[in-house]
Amino acid sequence: MDKENDVLKKTFSTTDEMLEFLRGKGYRFTTKLSMQFKPSPDKAAKLAKALIVDTETTGPDTATDKLIEFGAILVEYDPKTFLIHGIVDTFNELEDPGMPISPEATKTNGITDEMVAGKVIDNAKVEALVNQAAIVTCHNSNFDRKILEKRWPIFETKPFACSFKQINWVEEGFGSAKLDYLLYKLGFHYEAHRAVVDCHALLALLNADLPVSGKKAMQVMIEDARLKEYDLAALNSSFDSKDILKKNGYYWDGDAKFWHKPLKESELKAEAEWLKANVYGGKDYRVGVTEIDAYTRFSVRNKETKVINGSEL
């Protein structure tokens, strides 16, 4: 009660003065989501464009569910400093999926069958936005890219980044990587789960300075997206090795019938030595190596896998 009495007795000349006083008393506030850009002082900087995208769908299955809303914001940014200079274009439209929207989806995004009836997203507008972008980013590209490529094949030609997967939010001091939670921790609130609204939220997130590294979220995400990864498959491994493979971070592919593990290029040689010693008993062995980059990451398209001797890694 002492804190509340102090507030009641205090008079303020401005709202900012009052908020500063309350923060000093331990109160925490969020503000309505807004954007303030600080363009690079380098007037000659060659800017690139990024397309921030969000989708709403009939349900959570990328194989069977369909798009019902597409939102996008095209922004300009400096690819050297990662400062976002401003918004170039904004787009949001609904689409009739030709199938019922699940009650769970409607509960999440508020979109009903009646709202989308007879509507079709402007393909030409979407393709024009994609053509301008040097990179496409979503907060869950592992979901959105699959939906986007199914609806518009042009998305197959673009590199993707993911703010959910390609920023280590735990190391940056966050307890969750959900978009609305991240924005709350950064001091913002907004009405989530409509496509273009979530795009604006992601734009604010990418423009934020991360609390531990001090880097722009945009920088951390894009630098990670530029790295190549390799999916290493332990071919013809014995059944008895399944537990040690699983313990060492391998995943079972039930269709292909092998254990596999995502790795950075710098980790391949050491992993090959570990496999030879722990799985193949020191004998020669074959592995499958699939290269993954920003053009293929998060896509369902078949990726080229090379089968080589483990000693070649």
C-alpha atoms as a PDB file:
ATOM      1  CA  MET A   1       0.000   0.000   0.000  1.00  0.00           C
ATOM      2  CA  ASP A   2       2.895   2.391   0.624  1.00  0.00           C
ATOM      3  CA  LYS A   3       3.743   2.422  -3.073  1.00  0.00           C
ATOM      4  CA  GLU A   4       0.144   3.150  -4.050  1.00  0.00           C
ATOM      5  CA  ASN A   5      -0.084   5.972  -1.468  1.00  0.00           C
ATOM      6  CA  ASP A   6       3.125   7.516  -2.824  1.00  0.00           C
ATOM      7  CA  VAL A   7       1.605   7.534  -6.301  1.00  0.00           C
ATOM      8  CA  LEU A   8      -1.639   9.103  -5.092  1.00  0.00           C
ATOM      9  CA  LYS A   9       0.206  11.901  -3.284  1.00  0.00           C
ATOM     10  CA  LYS A  10       2.531  12.655  -6.190  1.00  0.00           C
ATOM     11  CA  THR A  11       1.630  15.119  -8.944  1.00  0.00           C
ATOM     12  CA  PHE A  12       3.152  15.019 -12.436  1.00  0.00           C
ATOM     13  CA  SER A  13       3.483  17.587 -15.192  1.00  0.00           C
ATOM     14  CA  THR A  14       3.745  15.021 -18.023  1.00  0.00           C
ATOM     15  CA  THR A  15       2.829  11.406 -18.675  1.00  0.00           C
ATOM     16  CA  ASP A  16       6.495  10.557 -19.228  1.00  0.00           C
ATOM     17  CA  GLU A  17       7.342  11.962 -15.809  1.00  0.00           C
ATOM     18  CA  MET A  18       4.636   9.830 -14.213  1.00  0.00           C
ATOM     19  CA  LEU A  19       5.781   6.668 -16.002  1.00  0.00           C
ATOM     20  CA  GLU A  20       9.379   7.278 -15.012  1.00  0.00           C
ATOM     21  CA  PHE A  21       8.311   7.673 -11.397  1.00  0.00           C
ATOM     22  CA  LEU A  22       6.269   4.456 -11.504  1.00  0.00           C
ATOM     23  CA  ARG A  23       9.143   2.496 -13.080  1.00  0.00           C
ATOM     24  CA  GLY A  24      11.279   3.633 -10.183  1.00  0.00           C
ATOM     25  CA  LYS A  25       8.688   2.082  -7.876  1.00  0.00           C
ATOM     26  CA  GLY A  26       9.002  -1.286  -9.646  1.00  0.00           C
ATOM     27  CA  TYR A  27       6.074  -1.042 -12.041  1.00  0.00           C
ATOM     28  CA  ARG A  28       6.388  -2.365 -15.603  1.00  0.00           C
ATOM     29  CA  PHE A  29       4.494  -1.025 -18.627  1.00  0.00           C
ATOM     30  CA  THR A  30       3.966  -2.015 -22.236  1.00  0.00           C
ATOM     31  CA  THR A  31       3.055   0.369 -25.034  1.00  0.00           C
ATOM     32  CA  LYS A  32       0.962  -0.206 -28.124  1.00  0.00           C
ATOM     33  CA  LEU A  33       3.096  -1.626 -30.930  1.00  0.00           C
ATOM     34  CA  SER A  34       4.700   1.111 -33.002  1.00  0.00           C
ATOM     35  CA  MET A  35       7.731   1.500 -35.230  1.00  0.00           C
ATOM     36  CA  GLN A  36      10.508   4.075 -35.154  1.00  0.00           C
ATOM     37  CA  PHE A  37      13.202   3.725 -37.791  1.00  0.00           C
ATOM     38  CA  LYS A  38      16.733   5.078 -37.487  1.00  0.00           C
ATOM     39  CA  PRO A  39      18.165   5.105 -40.997  1.00  0.00           C
ATOM     40  CA  SER A  40      21.889   4.656 -41.433  1.00  0.00           C
ATOM     41  CA  PRO A  41      23.843   7.923 -41.543  1.00  0.00           C
ATOM     42  CA  ASP A  42      25.571   6.565 -44.660  1.00  0.00           C
ATOM     43  CA  LYS A  43      23.570   8.289 -47.387  1.00  0.00           C
ATOM     44  CA  ALA A  44      25.339   6.235 -50.058  1.00  0.00           C
ATOM     45  CA  ALA A  45      24.400   2.889 -48.483  1.00  0.00           C
ATOM     46  CA  LYS A  46      23.035   0.413 -51.011  1.00  0.00           C
ATOM     47  CA  LEU A  47      19.797  -0.839 -49.495  1.00  0.00           C
ATOM     48  CA  ALA A  48      18.238  -4.265 -49.915  1.00  0.00           C
ATOM     49  CA  LYS A  49      14.626  -5.302 -49.496  1.00  0.00           C
ATOM     50  CA  ALA A  50      13.246  -7.979 -47.192  1.00  0.00           C
ATOM     51  CA  LEU A  51       9.725  -9.372 -47.341  1.00  0.00           C
ATOM     52  CA  ILE A  52       8.223 -10.094 -43.921  1.00  0.00           C
ATOM     53  CA  VAL A  53       5.425 -12.634 -44.328  1.00  0.00           C
ATOM     54  CA  ASP A  54       2.788 -14.300 -42.189  1.00  0.00           C
ATOM     55  CA  THR A  55       0.051 -16.759 -43.118  1.00  0.00           C
ATOM     56  CA  GLU A  56      -3.181 -17.908 -41.537  1.00  0.00           C
ATOM     57  CA  THR A  57      -4.503 -21.324 -42.555  1.00  0.00           C
ATOM     58  CA  THR A  58      -7.428 -23.705 -42.144  1.00  0.00           C
ATOM     59  CA  GLY A  59      -5.403 -25.710 -39.624  1.00  0.00           C
ATOM     60  CA  PRO A  60      -1.895 -26.774 -38.534  1.00  0.00           C
ATOM     61  CA  ASP A  61      -1.091 -29.438 -41.182  1.00  0.00           C
ATOM     62  CA  THR A  62       1.034 -28.021 -44.024  1.00  0.00           C
ATOM     63  CA  ALA A  63       0.306 -31.075 -46.183  1.00  0.00           C
ATOM     64  CA  THR A  64      -3.497 -30.881 -46.085  1.00  0.00           C
ATOM     65  CA  ASP A  65      -4.512 -27.456 -44.763  1.00  0.00           C
ATOM     66  CA  LYS A  66      -4.767 -24.375 -46.970  1.00  0.00           C
ATOM     67  CA  LEU A  67      -4.072 -20.664 -46.874  1.00  0.00           C
ATOM     68  CA  ILE A  68      -6.871 -18.325 -45.792  1.00  0.00           C
ATOM     69  CA  GLU A  69      -4.926 -15.101 -45.206  1.00  0.00           C
ATOM     70  CA  PHE A  70      -1.652 -13.694 -46.520  1.00  0.00           C
ATOM     71  CA  GLY A  71       0.035 -10.687 -44.947  1.00  0.00           C
ATOM     72  CA  ALA A  72       3.307  -9.099 -46.016  1.00  0.00           C
ATOM     73  CA  ILE A  73       5.419  -6.018 -45.365  1.00  0.00           C
ATOM     74  CA  LEU A  74       8.224  -5.079 -47.774  1.00  0.00           C
ATOM     75  CA  VAL A  75      10.992  -3.177 -45.991  1.00  0.00           C
ATOM     76  CA  GLU A  76      14.313  -1.627 -46.968  1.00  0.00           C
ATOM     77  CA  TYR A  77      17.382  -2.380 -44.877  1.00  0.00           C
ATOM     78  CA  ASP A  78      21.127  -1.862 -44.986  1.00  0.00           C
ATOM     79  CA  PRO A  79      22.719  -5.313 -45.535  1.00  0.00           C
ATOM     80  CA  LYS A  80      25.945  -4.116 -43.867  1.00  0.00           C
ATOM     81  CA  THR A  81      24.553  -2.538 -40.689  1.00  0.00           C
ATOM     82  CA  PHE A  82      21.183  -4.386 -40.701  1.00  0.00           C
ATOM     83  CA  LEU A  83      19.381  -1.136 -39.882  1.00  0.00           C
ATOM     84  CA  ILE A  84      15.829  -1.122 -41.227  1.00  0.00           C
ATOM     85  CA  HIS A  85      15.190   2.133 -43.081  1.00  0.00           C
ATOM     86  CA  GLY A  86      11.435   1.926 -43.534  1.00  0.00           C
ATOM     87  CA  ILE A  87       8.386   0.263 -45.046  1.00  0.00           C
ATOM     88  CA  VAL A  88       8.088   0.148 -48.839  1.00  0.00           C
ATOM     89  CA  ASP A  89       4.736  -1.634 -49.160  1.00  0.00           C
ATOM     90  CA  THR A  90       2.114  -3.441 -47.078  1.00  0.00           C
ATOM     91  CA  PHE A  91      -0.321  -6.096 -48.258  1.00  0.00           C
ATOM     92  CA  ASN A  92      -3.035  -8.240 -46.672  1.00  0.00           C
ATOM     93  CA  GLU A  93      -5.830 -10.285 -48.235  1.00  0.00           C
ATOM     94  CA  LEU A  94      -8.119 -13.193 -47.402  1.00  0.00           C
ATOM     95  CA  GLU A  95      -8.779 -16.253 -49.567  1.00  0.00           C
ATOM     96  CA  ASP A  96     -11.488 -18.895 -49.793  1.00  0.00           C
ATOM     97  CA  PRO A  97      -9.686 -22.229 -49.291  1.00  0.00           C
ATOM     98  CA  GLY A  98     -12.489 -24.336 -50.751  1.00  0.00           C
ATOM     99  CA  MET A  99     -12.678 -26.293 -47.498  1.00  0.00           C
ATOM    100  CA  PRO A 100     -13.991 -25.583 -43.994  1.00  0.00           C
ATOM    101  CA  ILE A 101     -11.811 -23.651 -41.564  1.00  0.00           C
ATOM    102  CA  SER A 102     -11.249 -25.719 -38.444  1.00  0.00           C
ATOM    103  CA  PRO A 103     -12.856 -24.410 -35.233  1.00  0.00           C
ATOM    104  CA  GLU A 104      -9.402 -24.387 -33.641  1.00  0.00           C
ATOM    105  CA  ALA A 105      -8.062 -22.103 -36.391  1.00  0.00           C
ATOM    106  CA  THR A 106     -11.013 -19.735 -36.096  1.00  0.00           C
ATOM    107  CA  LYS A 107     -10.533 -19.629 -32.327  1.00  0.00           C
ATOM    108  CA  THR A 108      -6.904 -18.586 -32.875  1.00  0.00           C
ATOM    109  CA  ASN A 109      -7.200 -16.064 -35.715  1.00  0.00           C
ATOM    110  CA  GLY A 110     -10.884 -15.089 -35.693  1.00  0.00           C
ATOM    111  CA  ILE A 111     -11.310 -15.858 -39.407  1.00  0.00           C
ATOM    112  CA  THR A 112     -14.570 -17.596 -40.325  1.00  0.00           C
ATOM    113  CA  ASP A 113     -15.849 -19.363 -43.428  1.00  0.00           C
ATOM    114  CA  GLU A 114     -18.180 -16.406 -44.059  1.00  0.00           C
ATOM    115  CA  MET A 115     -15.285 -13.915 -44.040  1.00  0.00           C
ATOM    116  CA  VAL A 116     -13.353 -15.738 -46.796  1.00  0.00           C
ATOM    117  CA  ALA A 117     -16.278 -16.875 -48.966  1.00  0.00           C
ATOM    118  CA  GLY A 118     -15.544 -16.185 -52.648  1.00  0.00           C
ATOM    119  CA  LYS A 119     -12.304 -14.285 -52.008  1.00  0.00           C
ATOM    120  CA  VAL A 120      -9.043 -14.828 -53.923  1.00  0.00           C
ATOM    121  CA  ILE A 121      -5.658 -13.290 -53.118  1.00  0.00           C
ATOM    122  CA  ASP A 122      -4.203 -11.119 -55.896  1.00  0.00           C
ATOM    123  CA  ASN A 123      -1.471 -13.351 -57.362  1.00  0.00           C
ATOM    124  CA  ALA A 124       0.128 -10.565 -59.380  1.00  0.00           C
ATOM    125  CA  LYS A 125       0.525  -8.385 -56.302  1.00  0.00           C
ATOM    126  CA  VAL A 126       2.087 -11.201 -54.292  1.00  0.00           C
ATOM    127  CA  GLU A 127       4.534 -12.047 -57.068  1.00  0.00           C
ATOM    128  CA  ALA A 128       5.482  -8.380 -57.486  1.00  0.00           C
ATOM    129  CA  LEU A 129       6.360  -8.171 -53.785  1.00  0.00           C
ATOM    130  CA  VAL A 130       8.361 -11.407 -53.871  1.00  0.00           C
ATOM    131  CA  ASN A 131      10.287 -10.321 -56.966  1.00  0.00           C
ATOM    132  CA  GLN A 132      11.574  -7.230 -55.149  1.00  0.00           C
ATOM    133  CA  ALA A 133      12.789  -9.102 -52.073  1.00  0.00           C
ATOM    134  CA  ALA A 134      16.376 -10.199 -51.489  1.00  0.00           C
ATOM    135  CA  ILE A 135      15.158 -12.431 -48.653  1.00  0.00           C
ATOM    136  CA  VAL A 136      11.862 -13.614 -47.172  1.00  0.00           C
ATOM    137  CA  THR A 137      11.433 -13.951 -43.423  1.00  0.00           C
ATOM    138  CA  CYS A 138       8.717 -15.399 -41.190  1.00  0.00           C
ATOM    139  CA  HIS A 139       8.550 -16.094 -37.475  1.00  0.00           C
ATOM    140  CA  ASN A 140       8.030 -19.799 -38.202  1.00  0.00           C
ATOM    141  CA  SER A 141       9.408 -20.389 -41.688  1.00  0.00           C
ATOM    142  CA  ASN A 142       9.274 -24.139 -41.168  1.00  0.00           C
ATOM    143  CA  PHE A 143       5.485 -23.799 -41.362  1.00  0.00           C
ATOM    144  CA  ASP A 144       4.942 -20.720 -43.512  1.00  0.00           C
ATOM    145  CA  ARG A 145       7.383 -21.608 -46.304  1.00  0.00           C
ATOM    146  CA  LYS A 146       5.634 -24.915 -46.962  1.00  0.00           C
ATOM    147  CA  ILE A 147       2.256 -23.165 -47.182  1.00  0.00           C
ATOM    148  CA  LEU A 148       3.652 -20.387 -49.385  1.00  0.00           C
ATOM    149  CA  GLU A 149       5.425 -22.676 -51.845  1.00  0.00           C
ATOM    150  CA  LYS A 150       2.290 -24.764 -52.235  1.00  0.00           C
ATOM    151  CA  ARG A 151       0.282 -21.639 -53.108  1.00  0.00           C
ATOM    152  CA  TRP A 152       2.914 -19.657 -55.066  1.00  0.00           C
ATOM    153  CA  PRO A 153       5.910 -21.534 -56.579  1.00  0.00           C
ATOM    154  CA  ILE A 154       7.795 -18.224 -56.877  1.00  0.00           C
ATOM    155  CA  PHE A 155       8.663 -18.586 -53.184  1.00  0.00           C
ATOM    156  CA  GLU A 156      10.864 -21.564 -54.139  1.00  0.00           C
ATOM    157  CA  THR A 157      13.287 -19.141 -55.811  1.00  0.00           C
ATOM    158  CA  LYS A 158      13.974 -17.019 -52.714  1.00  0.00           C
ATOM    159  CA  PRO A 159      16.239 -17.467 -49.696  1.00  0.00           C
ATOM    160  CA  PHE A 160      14.346 -17.691 -46.398  1.00  0.00           C
ATOM    161  CA  ALA A 161      15.224 -16.697 -42.843  1.00  0.00           C
ATOM    162  CA  CYS A 162      13.366 -17.548 -39.633  1.00  0.00           C
ATOM    163  CA  SER A 163      13.275 -15.336 -36.547  1.00  0.00           C
ATOM    164  CA  PHE A 164      11.959 -18.259 -34.480  1.00  0.00           C
ATOM    165  CA  LYS A 165      14.698 -20.775 -35.324  1.00  0.00           C
ATOM    166  CA  GLN A 166      17.658 -18.575 -36.232  1.00  0.00           C
ATOM    167  CA  ILE A 167      17.923 -16.454 -33.094  1.00  0.00           C
ATOM    168  CA  ASN A 168      18.852 -18.169 -29.835  1.00  0.00           C
ATOM    169  CA  TRP A 169      16.200 -16.575 -27.661  1.00  0.00           C
ATOM    170  CA  VAL A 170      17.211 -18.545 -24.563  1.00  0.00           C
ATOM    171  CA  GLU A 171      20.772 -17.202 -24.738  1.00  0.00           C
ATOM    172  CA  GLU A 172      19.299 -13.715 -25.145  1.00  0.00           C
ATOM    173  CA  GLY A 173      17.449 -14.145 -21.851  1.00  0.00           C
ATOM    174  CA  PHE A 174      13.923 -14.973 -23.058  1.00  0.00           C
ATOM    175  CA  GLY A 175      11.857 -17.815 -21.624  1.00  0.00           C
ATOM    176  CA  SER A 176       9.870 -18.408 -24.804  1.00  0.00           C
ATOM    177  CA  ALA A 177      10.218 -17.745 -28.531  1.00  0.00           C
ATOM    178  CA  LYS A 178       6.520 -17.033 -29.133  1.00  0.00           C
ATOM    179  CA  LEU A 179       6.152 -13.766 -31.017  1.00  0.00           C
ATOM    180  CA  ASP A 180       3.646 -12.111 -28.678  1.00  0.00           C
ATOM    181  CA  TYR A 181       5.757 -13.053 -25.629  1.00  0.00           C
ATOM    182  CA  LEU A 182       8.948 -11.653 -27.191  1.00  0.00           C
ATOM    183  CA  LEU A 183       7.207  -8.367 -27.982  1.00  0.00           C
ATOM    184  CA  TYR A 184       5.771  -8.202 -24.464  1.00  0.00           C
ATOM    185  CA  LYS A 185       9.247  -8.626 -22.977  1.00  0.00           C
ATOM    186  CA  LEU A 186      10.464  -5.840 -25.250  1.00  0.00           C
ATOM    187  CA  GLY A 187       7.713  -3.578 -23.906  1.00  0.00           C
ATOM    188  CA  PHE A 188       4.985  -3.822 -26.573  1.00  0.00           C
ATOM    189  CA  HIS A 189       1.457  -5.185 -26.745  1.00  0.00           C
ATOM    190  CA  TYR A 190      -0.722  -5.856 -29.798  1.00  0.00           C
ATOM    191  CA  GLU A 191      -3.627  -8.000 -31.008  1.00  0.00           C
ATOM    192  CA  ALA A 192      -1.925 -11.124 -32.371  1.00  0.00           C
ATOM    193  CA  HIS A 193      -2.829 -13.778 -34.957  1.00  0.00           C
ATOM    194  CA  ARG A 194      -3.975 -11.789 -37.953  1.00  0.00           C
ATOM    195  CA  ALA A 195      -1.463 -11.955 -40.780  1.00  0.00           C
ATOM    196  CA  VAL A 196      -0.397  -8.361 -41.385  1.00  0.00           C
ATOM    197  CA  VAL A 197      -0.596  -7.513 -37.663  1.00  0.00           C
ATOM    198  CA  ASP A 198       1.859 -10.311 -36.929  1.00  0.00           C
ATOM    199  CA  CYS A 199       4.059  -8.963 -39.745  1.00  0.00           C
ATOM    200  CA  HIS A 200       4.210  -5.566 -38.017  1.00  0.00           C
ATOM    201  CA  ALA A 201       5.057  -7.343 -34.756  1.00  0.00           C
ATOM    202  CA  LEU A 202       7.873  -9.247 -36.447  1.00  0.00           C
ATOM    203  CA  LEU A 203       9.170  -6.026 -38.000  1.00  0.00           C
ATOM    204  CA  ALA A 204       9.375  -4.456 -34.549  1.00  0.00           C
ATOM    205  CA  LEU A 205      11.148  -7.550 -33.249  1.00  0.00           C
ATOM    206  CA  LEU A 206      13.723  -7.555 -36.052  1.00  0.00           C
ATOM    207  CA  ASN A 207      14.376  -3.870 -35.488  1.00  0.00           C
ATOM    208  CA  ALA A 208      15.050  -4.423 -31.765  1.00  0.00           C
ATOM    209  CA  ASP A 209      18.451  -4.595 -30.061  1.00  0.00           C
ATOM    210  CA  LEU A 210      18.901  -7.970 -28.378  1.00  0.00           C
ATOM    211  CA  PRO A 211      19.501  -7.635 -24.621  1.00  0.00           C
ATOM    212  CA  VAL A 212      22.558  -9.917 -24.271  1.00  0.00           C
ATOM    213  CA  SER A 213      24.483  -9.731 -27.560  1.00  0.00           C
ATOM    214  CA  GLY A 214      23.497  -6.110 -28.187  1.00  0.00           C
ATOM    215  CA  LYS A 215      23.065  -6.924 -31.875  1.00  0.00           C
ATOM    216  CA  LYS A 216      20.027  -6.195 -33.985  1.00  0.00           C
ATOM    217  CA  ALA A 217      17.727  -9.209 -34.157  1.00  0.00           C
ATOM    218  CA  MET A 218      17.768  -8.727 -37.943  1.00  0.00           C
ATOM    219  CA  GLN A 219      21.543  -9.150 -37.990  1.00  0.00           C
ATOM    220  CA  VAL A 220      21.620 -12.326 -35.893  1.00  0.00           C
ATOM    221  CA  MET A 221      18.867 -13.931 -37.965  1.00  0.00           C
ATOM    222  CA  ILE A 222      20.327 -13.117 -41.392  1.00  0.00           C
ATOM    223  CA  GLU A 223      23.882 -14.069 -40.429  1.00  0.00           C
ATOM    224  CA  ASP A 224      22.596 -17.471 -39.300  1.00  0.00           C
ATOM    225  CA  ALA A 225      20.494 -17.815 -42.459  1.00  0.00           C
ATOM    226  CA  ARG A 226      23.619 -17.300 -44.599  1.00  0.00           C
ATOM    227  CA  LEU A 227      25.342 -20.326 -43.052  1.00  0.00           C
ATOM    228  CA  LYS A 228      25.184 -23.678 -44.772  1.00  0.00           C
ATOM    229  CA  GLU A 229      24.060 -26.748 -42.887  1.00  0.00           C
ATOM    230  CA  TYR A 230      24.515 -30.412 -43.647  1.00  0.00           C
ATOM    231  CA  ASP A 231      22.126 -33.228 -42.839  1.00  0.00           C
ATOM    232  CA  LEU A 232      24.283 -36.290 -42.162  1.00  0.00           C
ATOM    233  CA  ALA A 233      22.655 -39.705 -42.538  1.00  0.00           C
ATOM    234  CA  ALA A 234      24.270 -42.730 -40.865  1.00  0.00           C
ATOM    235  CA  LEU A 235      23.503 -45.290 -43.562  1.00  0.00           C
ATOM    236  CA  ASN A 236      23.199 -49.001 -42.797  1.00  0.00           C
ATOM    237  CA  SER A 237      23.857 -48.505 -39.102  1.00  0.00           C
ATOM    238  CA  SER A 238      23.058 -51.534 -36.976  1.00  0.00           C
ATOM    239  CA  PHE A 239      19.897 -51.780 -34.913  1.00  0.00           C
ATOM    240  CA  ASP A 240      22.047 -52.032 -31.778  1.00  0.00           C
ATOM    241  CA  SER A 241      23.439 -48.534 -32.400  1.00  0.00           C
ATOM    242  CA  LYS A 242      20.054 -46.795 -32.278  1.00  0.00           C
ATOM    243  CA  ASP A 243      20.314 -45.721 -28.641  1.00  0.00           C
ATOM    244  CA  ILE A 244      23.763 -44.193 -28.936  1.00  0.00           C
ATOM    245  CA  LEU A 245      22.755 -42.404 -32.163  1.00  0.00           C
ATOM    246  CA  LYS A 246      19.659 -40.986 -30.518  1.00  0.00           C
ATOM    247  CA  LYS A 247      21.662 -39.911 -27.478  1.00  0.00           C
ATOM    248  CA  ASN A 248      24.106 -38.098 -29.771  1.00  0.00           C
ATOM    249  CA  GLY A 249      21.365 -36.016 -31.434  1.00  0.00           C
ATOM    250  CA  TYR A 250      20.337 -38.198 -34.388  1.00  0.00           C
ATOM    251  CA  TYR A 251      16.718 -38.422 -35.582  1.00  0.00           C
ATOM    252  CA  TRP A 252      15.060 -41.472 -37.096  1.00  0.00           C
ATOM    253  CA  ASP A 253      13.603 -41.065 -40.604  1.00  0.00           C
ATOM    254  CA  GLY A 254      10.862 -43.658 -40.781  1.00  0.00           C
ATOM    255  CA  ASP A 255      10.421 -43.341 -44.550  1.00  0.00           C
ATOM    256  CA  ALA A 256      14.092 -43.477 -45.535  1.00  0.00           C
ATOM    257  CA  LYS A 257      14.958 -45.893 -42.699  1.00  0.00           C
ATOM    258  CA  PHE A 258      18.075 -44.176 -41.396  1.00  0.00           C
ATOM    259  CA  TRP A 259      19.270 -41.998 -38.538  1.00  0.00           C
ATOM    260  CA  HIS A 260      20.306 -38.448 -39.442  1.00  0.00           C
ATOM    261  CA  LYS A 261      21.612 -35.298 -37.750  1.00  0.00           C
ATOM    262  CA  PRO A 262      21.844 -31.598 -38.760  1.00  0.00           C
ATOM    263  CA  LEU A 263      25.376 -30.197 -38.553  1.00  0.00           C
ATOM    264  CA  LYS A 264      27.439 -27.130 -39.381  1.00  0.00           C
ATOM    265  CA  GLU A 265      30.224 -27.583 -41.911  1.00  0.00           C
ATOM    266  CA  SER A 266      32.861 -27.205 -39.187  1.00  0.00           C
ATOM    267  CA  GLU A 267      31.331 -30.155 -37.293  1.00  0.00           C
ATOM    268  CA  LEU A 268      31.353 -32.717 -40.116  1.00  0.00           C
ATOM    269  CA  LYS A 269      34.889 -34.089 -39.698  1.00  0.00           C
ATOM    270  CA  ALA A 270      34.585 -34.640 -35.946  1.00  0.00           C
ATOM    271  CA  GLU A 271      31.190 -36.277 -36.417  1.00  0.00           C
ATOM    272  CA  ALA A 272      32.620 -38.631 -39.034  1.00  0.00           C
ATOM    273  CA  GLU A 273      35.318 -39.722 -36.582  1.00  0.00           C
ATOM    274  CA  TRP A 274      32.690 -40.242 -33.867  1.00  0.00           C
ATOM    275  CA  LEU A 275      30.559 -42.401 -36.187  1.00  0.00           C
ATOM    276  CA  LYS A 276      33.504 -44.567 -37.195  1.00  0.00           C
ATOM    277  CA  ALA A 277      34.519 -45.174 -33.580  1.00  0.00           C
ATOM    278  CA  ASN A 278      31.093 -45.543 -31.965  1.00  0.00           C
ATOM    279  CA  VAL A 279      28.732 -46.843 -34.644  1.00  0.00           C
ATOM    280  CA  TYR A 280      30.727 -48.612 -37.343  1.00  0.00           C
ATOM    281  CA  GLY A 281      33.376 -50.316 -35.194  1.00  0.00           C
ATOM    282  CA  GLY A 282      36.299 -48.613 -36.891  1.00  0.00           C
ATOM    283  CA  LYS A 283      35.377 -50.010 -40.324  1.00  0.00           C
ATOM    284  CA  ASP A 284      34.772 -48.105 -43.552  1.00  0.00           C
ATOM    285  CA  TYR A 285      31.211 -46.895 -43.895  1.00  0.00           C
ATOM    286  CA  ARG A 286      28.924 -44.843 -46.133  1.00  0.00           C
ATOM    287  CA  VAL A 287      26.985 -41.710 -45.195  1.00  0.00           C
ATOM    288  CA  GLY A 288      24.431 -39.518 -46.915  1.00  0.00           C
ATOM    289  CA  VAL A 289      25.218 -35.793 -46.961  1.00  0.00           C
ATOM    290  CA  THR A 290      22.535 -33.260 -47.826  1.00  0.00           C
ATOM    291  CA  GLU A 291      23.588 -29.619 -48.178  1.00  0.00           C
ATOM    292  CA  ILE A 292      21.053 -27.107 -46.879  1.00  0.00           C
ATOM    293  CA  ASP A 293      21.150 -23.337 -47.403  1.00  0.00           C
ATOM    294  CA  ALA A 294      18.719 -20.427 -47.255  1.00  0.00           C
ATOM    295  CA  TYR A 295      17.262 -21.410 -50.634  1.00  0.00           C
ATOM    296  CA  THR A 296      16.269 -24.903 -49.508  1.00  0.00           C
ATOM    297  CA  ARG A 297      15.969 -24.600 -45.719  1.00  0.00           C
ATOM    298  CA  PHE A 298      12.386 -25.078 -44.412  1.00  0.00           C
ATOM    299  CA  SER A 299      11.201 -26.251 -47.855  1.00  0.00           C
ATOM    300  CA  VAL A 300       9.510 -29.600 -48.537  1.00  0.00           C
ATOM    301  CA  ARG A 301      11.217 -29.817 -51.925  1.00  0.00           C
ATOM    302  CA  ASN A 302      13.546 -32.778 -52.413  1.00  0.00           C
ATOM    303  CA  LYS A 303      17.148 -31.851 -51.681  1.00  0.00           C
ATOM    304  CA  GLU A 304      20.114 -33.521 -53.379  1.00  0.00           C
ATOM    305  CA  THR A 305      21.792 -36.104 -51.146  1.00  0.00           C
ATOM    306  CA  LYS A 306      25.288 -37.387 -51.906  1.00  0.00           C
ATOM    307  CA  VAL A 307      26.334 -40.835 -50.712  1.00  0.00           C
ATOM    308  CA  ILE A 308      30.052 -40.891 -49.880  1.00  0.00           C
ATOM    309  CA  ASN A 309      32.610 -42.761 -47.798  1.00  0.00           C
ATOM    310  CA  GLY A 310      32.739 -41.391 -44.262  1.00  0.00           C
ATOM    311  CA  SER A 311      36.484 -40.799 -44.580  1.00  0.00           C
ATOM    312  CA  GLU A 312      35.805 -38.176 -47.277  1.00  0.00           C
ATOM    313  CA  LEU A 313      34.144 -35.784 -44.833  1.00  0.00           C
END
